[in-house]
């Protein structure tokens, strides 16, 4: 029987800026992809054309990054930006992609710093080359030290604490926090936050996030090994849906709650298969990261005076309020 719960969405800080027309997008999959399209007004752009490279640590097939990219593409389409998207889950390879962007003399770089130490030297090279760099999604604790201009994302430790406190209200006693990539600072911070906010016992379980059958079998085995686990915490929507299958296979009492959304996860919350989700608004992160570089170039603007991050979450999505975001999730923007 599912535990009953209520939650109110927390306020997300939103940055607004003046936007103009024309567009671009990028295709999915692979290390690097690019699609340069002409302006919506037949090339009659009101601001100079600029090129922005977005470089993430996305693993192939992770739907979370589709939302990031859609937001980035929307901002690029309004700002007369040629968006060049590339991704690699290997920190070393990601740094190489940043170097490629520097060599191409792009006008701005937006990147994730899941493993900050690997990005430090190449960000310094971008600054030396006069290319502004903004961070988003991963690297909240390090963005200023890395020399980035701005940061857009969620305070993962605080989000984890709020998550843990919500578990207290559900009556959970023993949580299993599933980390799909060891050493990823944002994921580690989430589970650390959960452990801090949750009054019960919290165990971490590391899985190979690029091998979903392995994720499923590993979670199932852990639940069968320790039937006292009554809560599975996942750090991404695809992993939550897999954990639901694992919990069913283990035939125990474990419920599932998660960070992040996708269309299928929204349905799972509506159906009661997943208790709740924390939405960090990835579409907004991608949008603001790209738009901020346009604002900086065209008007010298940067948020927070370069000292404070722009927070896009957390917001709790539960059965009580999920219908309000279902339409946007179906369009692939939440």
Protein backbone atom coordinates (compact mmCIF):
# COMPACT_ATOMS: atom_id res chain seq x y z
CA UNK A 1 0.00 0.00 0.00
CA UNK A 2 1.43 3.39 -0.95
CA UNK A 3 2.08 5.88 1.80
CA UNK A 4 0.04 9.09 1.56
CA UNK A 5 1.89 12.34 1.23
CA UNK A 6 1.50 16.02 0.47
CA UNK A 7 4.06 18.52 -0.74
CA UNK A 8 4.14 22.06 -2.04
CA UNK A 9 6.47 23.15 -4.82
CA UNK A 10 9.40 25.25 -3.73
CA UNK A 11 10.13 28.49 -5.53
CA UNK A 12 12.56 28.35 -8.44
CA UNK A 13 14.50 31.49 -9.28
CA UNK A 14 13.91 32.52 -12.88
CA UNK A 15 16.02 34.86 -14.97
CA UNK A 16 14.26 36.92 -17.65
CA UNK A 17 15.92 38.68 -20.56
CA UNK A 18 15.19 40.47 -23.81
CA UNK A 19 15.03 37.96 -26.65
CA UNK A 20 15.04 38.23 -30.45
CA UNK A 21 14.28 35.88 -33.31
CA UNK A 22 16.00 33.25 -35.44
CA UNK A 23 16.91 29.69 -34.61
CA UNK A 24 19.01 26.60 -34.31
CA UNK A 25 18.93 23.13 -32.83
CA UNK A 26 21.03 20.01 -32.56
CA UNK A 27 20.43 16.35 -33.13
CA UNK A 28 20.50 13.63 -30.48
CA UNK A 29 23.09 10.98 -29.79
CA UNK A 30 26.83 10.65 -30.23
CA UNK A 31 29.67 12.74 -28.87
CA UNK A 32 28.99 15.78 -30.99
CA UNK A 33 26.10 17.11 -33.02
CA UNK A 34 25.29 20.40 -34.70
CA UNK A 35 22.44 21.89 -36.69
CA UNK A 36 22.66 25.49 -37.82
CA UNK A 37 19.36 26.83 -39.12
CA UNK A 38 18.51 30.25 -40.53
CA UNK A 39 16.61 32.95 -38.67
CA UNK A 40 12.85 32.87 -38.32
CA UNK A 41 12.62 36.25 -40.04
CA UNK A 42 14.46 35.10 -43.19
CA UNK A 43 17.80 36.20 -41.83
CA UNK A 44 16.59 39.63 -40.67
CA UNK A 45 18.03 39.28 -37.20
CA UNK A 46 18.10 42.32 -34.92
CA UNK A 47 21.27 41.24 -33.10
CA UNK A 48 24.62 39.97 -34.42
CA UNK A 49 24.91 36.25 -35.08
CA UNK A 50 26.92 34.47 -32.40
CA UNK A 51 27.99 30.88 -31.78
CA UNK A 52 27.57 29.15 -28.44
CA UNK A 53 28.96 25.72 -27.60
CA UNK A 54 27.03 23.66 -25.06
CA UNK A 55 29.10 20.77 -23.69
CA UNK A 56 27.67 18.30 -21.19
CA UNK A 57 28.54 15.03 -19.50
CA UNK A 58 25.36 13.37 -20.81
CA UNK A 59 25.37 9.62 -21.23
CA UNK A 60 23.79 8.27 -24.42
CA UNK A 61 20.09 7.54 -24.05
CA UNK A 62 19.48 9.59 -20.89
CA UNK A 63 16.24 11.47 -21.62
CA UNK A 64 17.04 14.14 -19.03
CA UNK A 65 19.41 15.80 -21.46
CA UNK A 66 16.74 16.06 -24.13
CA UNK A 67 15.04 18.60 -21.86
CA UNK A 68 18.27 20.55 -21.36
CA UNK A 69 18.80 20.73 -25.10
CA UNK A 70 15.25 21.78 -25.89
CA UNK A 71 15.59 24.72 -23.54
CA UNK A 72 18.95 25.65 -25.05
CA UNK A 73 17.54 25.43 -28.56
CA UNK A 74 14.58 27.64 -27.63
CA UNK A 75 16.89 30.36 -26.32
CA UNK A 76 19.15 30.05 -29.36
CA UNK A 77 16.19 30.37 -31.71
CA UNK A 78 15.21 33.67 -30.09
CA UNK A 79 18.70 35.09 -29.75
CA UNK A 80 20.12 34.54 -33.25
CA UNK A 81 22.55 31.98 -31.88
CA UNK A 82 24.17 29.09 -33.68
CA UNK A 83 24.13 26.36 -31.04
CA UNK A 84 26.76 23.62 -31.16
CA UNK A 85 25.93 20.80 -28.76
CA UNK A 86 28.34 18.03 -27.78
CA UNK A 87 28.49 15.55 -24.92
CA UNK A 88 30.62 12.83 -23.43
CA UNK A 89 30.27 11.14 -20.01
CA UNK A 90 34.05 10.83 -19.74
CA UNK A 91 35.42 13.91 -17.99
CA UNK A 92 38.62 13.82 -20.04
CA UNK A 93 36.70 13.60 -23.29
CA UNK A 94 34.38 16.37 -22.20
CA UNK A 95 37.39 18.60 -21.54
CA UNK A 96 38.63 17.82 -25.04
CA UNK A 97 35.28 18.94 -26.44
CA UNK A 98 35.66 22.23 -24.59
CA UNK A 99 39.12 22.63 -26.12
CA UNK A 100 37.60 21.99 -29.55
CA UNK A 101 35.12 24.81 -28.93
CA UNK A 102 37.96 27.14 -27.95
CA UNK A 103 39.85 26.22 -31.12
CA UNK A 104 36.72 27.01 -33.15
CA UNK A 105 36.67 30.49 -31.56
CA UNK A 106 33.08 30.29 -30.36
CA UNK A 107 31.52 33.35 -28.72
CA UNK A 108 30.51 31.58 -25.53
CA UNK A 109 30.58 28.19 -23.79
CA UNK A 110 27.96 26.65 -21.50
CA UNK A 111 29.10 23.49 -19.74
CA UNK A 112 28.44 21.07 -16.92
CA UNK A 113 31.15 20.34 -14.36
CA UNK A 114 30.21 16.94 -12.98
CA UNK A 115 33.91 16.33 -12.30
CA UNK A 116 35.24 19.83 -11.71
CA UNK A 117 38.95 19.06 -11.48
CA UNK A 118 38.92 17.79 -15.06
CA UNK A 119 37.48 21.07 -16.32
CA UNK A 120 39.67 23.58 -14.48
CA UNK A 121 42.54 23.87 -16.95
CA UNK A 122 40.42 24.05 -20.07
CA UNK A 123 38.09 26.67 -18.58
CA UNK A 124 41.18 28.76 -17.81
CA UNK A 125 42.18 28.42 -21.46
CA UNK A 126 38.74 29.67 -22.54
CA UNK A 127 39.07 32.70 -20.30
CA UNK A 128 42.53 33.43 -21.69
CA UNK A 129 41.01 33.28 -25.16
CA UNK A 130 38.37 35.82 -24.12
CA UNK A 131 35.49 33.33 -24.28
CA UNK A 132 32.92 33.66 -21.47
CA UNK A 133 31.98 30.37 -19.80
CA UNK A 134 28.82 29.70 -17.81
CA UNK A 135 28.01 26.57 -15.85
CA UNK A 136 24.77 24.72 -15.35
CA UNK A 137 23.36 21.52 -13.87
CA UNK A 138 26.53 20.22 -12.20
CA UNK A 139 29.31 22.06 -10.39
CA UNK A 140 27.42 24.36 -8.02
CA UNK A 141 30.11 24.23 -5.34
CA UNK A 142 32.94 24.85 -7.79
CA UNK A 143 31.72 27.22 -10.50
CA UNK A 144 33.29 30.35 -9.01
CA UNK A 145 36.62 28.65 -8.31
CA UNK A 146 36.62 27.36 -11.87
CA UNK A 147 36.26 30.92 -13.15
CA UNK A 148 32.84 30.62 -14.71
CA UNK A 149 30.75 33.75 -15.19
CA UNK A 150 27.42 32.38 -13.94
CA UNK A 151 25.74 29.17 -12.80
CA UNK A 152 22.22 27.84 -13.34
CA UNK A 153 20.93 24.81 -11.50
CA UNK A 154 19.80 23.27 -8.28
CA UNK A 155 21.57 23.15 -4.92
CA UNK A 156 21.73 19.37 -4.89
CA UNK A 157 22.62 18.98 -1.23
CA UNK A 158 19.73 21.19 -0.11
CA UNK A 159 17.42 19.41 -2.54
CA UNK A 160 18.53 16.11 -1.05
CA UNK A 161 17.83 17.37 2.46
CA UNK A 162 14.33 18.44 1.43
CA UNK A 163 13.88 15.01 -0.16
CA UNK A 164 14.94 13.31 3.08
CA UNK A 165 12.57 15.45 5.12
CA UNK A 166 9.74 14.48 2.81
CA UNK A 167 10.58 10.81 3.33
CA UNK A 168 10.18 11.40 7.07
CA UNK A 169 6.60 12.46 6.40
CA UNK A 170 5.87 9.29 4.42
CA UNK A 171 6.96 7.07 7.31
CA UNK A 172 9.92 5.50 5.54
CA UNK A 173 12.61 3.97 7.78
CA UNK A 174 15.36 2.59 5.52
CA UNK A 175 16.28 4.28 2.24
CA UNK A 176 18.48 3.03 -0.58
CA UNK A 177 19.98 5.89 -2.61
CA UNK A 178 20.96 4.65 -6.08
CA UNK A 179 23.90 6.51 -7.70
CA UNK A 180 24.31 5.83 -11.40
CA UNK A 181 27.78 7.37 -11.78
CA UNK A 182 30.42 7.18 -9.06
CA UNK A 183 32.36 10.40 -8.51
CA UNK A 184 29.69 12.65 -10.06
CA UNK A 185 29.60 15.56 -7.60
CA UNK A 186 25.93 16.46 -8.07
CA UNK A 187 24.74 12.88 -7.61
CA UNK A 188 26.91 12.36 -4.55
CA UNK A 189 25.56 15.63 -3.11
CA UNK A 190 21.98 14.48 -3.59
CA UNK A 191 22.48 11.29 -1.61
CA UNK A 192 24.49 13.13 1.04
CA UNK A 193 21.61 15.56 1.39
CA UNK A 194 19.06 12.76 1.64
CA UNK A 195 21.10 11.16 4.41
CA UNK A 196 21.26 14.47 6.27
CA UNK A 197 17.54 15.22 6.03
CA UNK A 198 16.21 11.69 6.53
CA UNK A 199 15.79 10.48 10.10
CA UNK A 200 15.98 6.83 9.10
CA UNK A 201 18.87 4.79 7.70
CA UNK A 202 20.30 5.69 4.30
CA UNK A 203 22.51 3.36 2.27
CA UNK A 204 24.14 4.23 -1.07
CA UNK A 205 24.14 1.78 -3.96
CA UNK A 206 26.38 2.37 -6.98
CA UNK A 207 25.18 1.08 -10.33
CA UNK A 208 26.36 1.36 -13.94
CA UNK A 209 23.95 3.91 -15.34
CA UNK A 210 24.86 3.10 -18.93
CA UNK A 211 23.65 -0.51 -18.54
CA UNK A 212 19.99 -0.48 -17.52
CA UNK A 213 19.56 -4.28 -17.29
CA UNK A 214 22.46 -4.26 -14.84
CA UNK A 215 20.84 -1.41 -12.91
CA UNK A 216 17.64 -3.43 -12.62
CA UNK A 217 19.33 -6.61 -11.46
CA UNK A 218 21.59 -4.79 -8.99
CA UNK A 219 18.69 -2.99 -7.30
CA UNK A 220 16.62 -6.19 -7.24
CA UNK A 221 19.45 -8.14 -5.63
CA UNK A 222 19.95 -5.47 -2.96
CA UNK A 223 16.25 -5.40 -2.09
CA UNK A 224 16.15 -9.18 -1.85
CA UNK A 225 19.28 -9.19 0.28
CA UNK A 226 17.92 -6.59 2.72
CA UNK A 227 14.12 -6.71 3.08
CA UNK A 228 14.23 -3.89 5.66
CA UNK A 229 14.70 -1.39 2.81
CA UNK A 230 11.33 0.30 2.38
CA UNK A 231 12.37 3.21 0.15
CA UNK A 232 14.35 3.39 -3.08
CA UNK A 233 15.66 6.84 -4.00
CA UNK A 234 16.80 7.24 -7.59
CA UNK A 235 18.58 10.23 -9.11
CA UNK A 236 17.01 10.24 -12.56
CA UNK A 237 13.64 9.41 -14.11
CA UNK A 238 14.76 6.39 -16.19
CA UNK A 239 16.30 4.83 -13.09
CA UNK A 240 13.10 5.37 -11.12
CA UNK A 241 11.08 3.49 -13.71
CA UNK A 242 13.61 0.66 -13.61
CA UNK A 243 13.54 0.66 -9.80
CA UNK A 244 9.76 0.20 -9.91
CA UNK A 245 10.36 -3.03 -11.83
CA UNK A 246 13.07 -4.07 -9.37
CA UNK A 247 10.79 -3.48 -6.39
CA UNK A 248 8.11 -5.61 -8.01
CA UNK A 249 10.60 -8.39 -8.76
CA UNK A 250 11.88 -8.31 -5.19
CA UNK A 251 8.29 -8.65 -3.92
CA UNK A 252 9.12 -6.55 -0.86
CA UNK A 253 7.71 -3.38 0.64
CA UNK A 254 9.97 -0.81 -1.02
CA UNK A 255 8.43 2.33 -2.53
CA UNK A 256 10.17 4.46 -5.14
CA UNK A 257 10.72 8.23 -5.25
CA UNK A 258 13.12 10.12 -7.46
CA UNK A 259 14.88 13.22 -8.62
CA UNK A 260 14.01 14.55 -12.09
CA UNK A 261 11.15 14.09 -14.52
CA UNK A 262 10.28 12.86 -17.97
CA UNK A 263 6.98 12.08 -19.67
CA UNK A 264 6.92 8.47 -18.51
CA UNK A 265 7.80 9.44 -14.96
CA UNK A 266 4.89 11.89 -14.82
CA UNK A 267 2.58 9.03 -15.78
CA UNK A 268 4.13 6.86 -13.07
CA UNK A 269 3.41 9.54 -10.47
CA UNK A 270 -0.16 9.86 -11.74
CA UNK A 271 -0.59 6.08 -11.48
CA UNK A 272 0.94 5.95 -7.99
CA UNK A 273 3.88 3.78 -9.06
CA UNK A 274 6.33 6.52 -8.05
CA UNK A 275 5.58 8.49 -4.89
CA UNK A 276 7.04 11.83 -5.92
CA UNK A 277 9.75 13.49 -7.97
CA UNK A 278 12.01 16.49 -7.49
CA UNK A 279 11.99 18.75 -10.55
CA UNK A 280 15.09 20.90 -11.09
CA UNK A 281 13.64 22.24 -14.37
CA UNK A 282 16.32 21.15 -16.86
CA UNK A 283 14.60 22.94 -19.74
CA UNK A 284 15.02 26.16 -17.80
CA UNK A 285 18.67 25.39 -17.08
CA UNK A 286 19.45 24.95 -20.77
CA UNK A 287 17.47 28.03 -21.71
CA UNK A 288 19.07 30.30 -19.14
CA UNK A 289 22.59 29.08 -19.81
CA UNK A 290 22.38 30.00 -23.50
CA UNK A 291 20.36 33.17 -22.99
CA UNK A 292 22.80 34.43 -20.36
CA UNK A 293 25.66 34.36 -22.86
CA UNK A 294 23.56 36.40 -25.30
CA UNK A 295 22.71 38.92 -22.59
CA UNK A 296 26.34 39.16 -21.55
CA UNK A 297 27.53 39.80 -25.08
CA UNK A 298 24.79 42.21 -26.12
CA UNK A 299 24.24 44.14 -22.89
CA UNK A 300 26.95 43.17 -20.40
CA UNK A 301 24.42 41.50 -18.10
CA UNK A 302 25.21 38.64 -15.76
CA UNK A 303 23.09 37.39 -12.89
CA UNK A 304 23.89 37.59 -9.21
CA UNK A 305 26.81 39.90 -9.81
CA UNK A 306 28.82 36.80 -10.62
CA UNK A 307 28.72 35.74 -6.97
CA UNK A 308 25.42 33.86 -6.58
CA UNK A 309 23.96 30.99 -8.60
CA UNK A 310 20.54 31.14 -10.22
CA UNK A 311 18.56 28.30 -8.65
CA UNK A 312 16.03 26.47 -10.83
CA UNK A 313 14.79 24.00 -8.20
CA UNK A 314 13.85 22.01 -6.27
CA UNK A 315 10.11 21.65 -6.75
CA UNK A 316 8.24 18.56 -5.59
CA UNK A 317 5.92 16.86 -8.08
CA UNK A 318 3.37 14.62 -6.36
CA UNK A 319 0.07 13.02 -7.25
CA UNK A 320 -1.59 16.16 -5.89
CA UNK A 321 0.00 18.54 -8.42
CA UNK A 322 1.36 16.35 -11.22
CA UNK A 323 -1.51 17.13 -13.58
CA UNK A 324 -0.33 20.75 -13.70
CA UNK A 325 2.94 19.72 -15.39
CA UNK A 326 1.66 16.74 -17.39
CA UNK A 327 0.90 18.82 -20.48
CA UNK A 328 4.42 20.27 -20.53
CA UNK A 329 5.98 16.85 -19.92
CA UNK A 330 4.04 15.48 -22.89
CA UNK A 331 5.61 18.22 -25.05
CA UNK A 332 9.05 17.33 -23.72
CA UNK A 333 9.71 20.56 -21.86
CA UNK A 334 9.32 19.32 -18.23
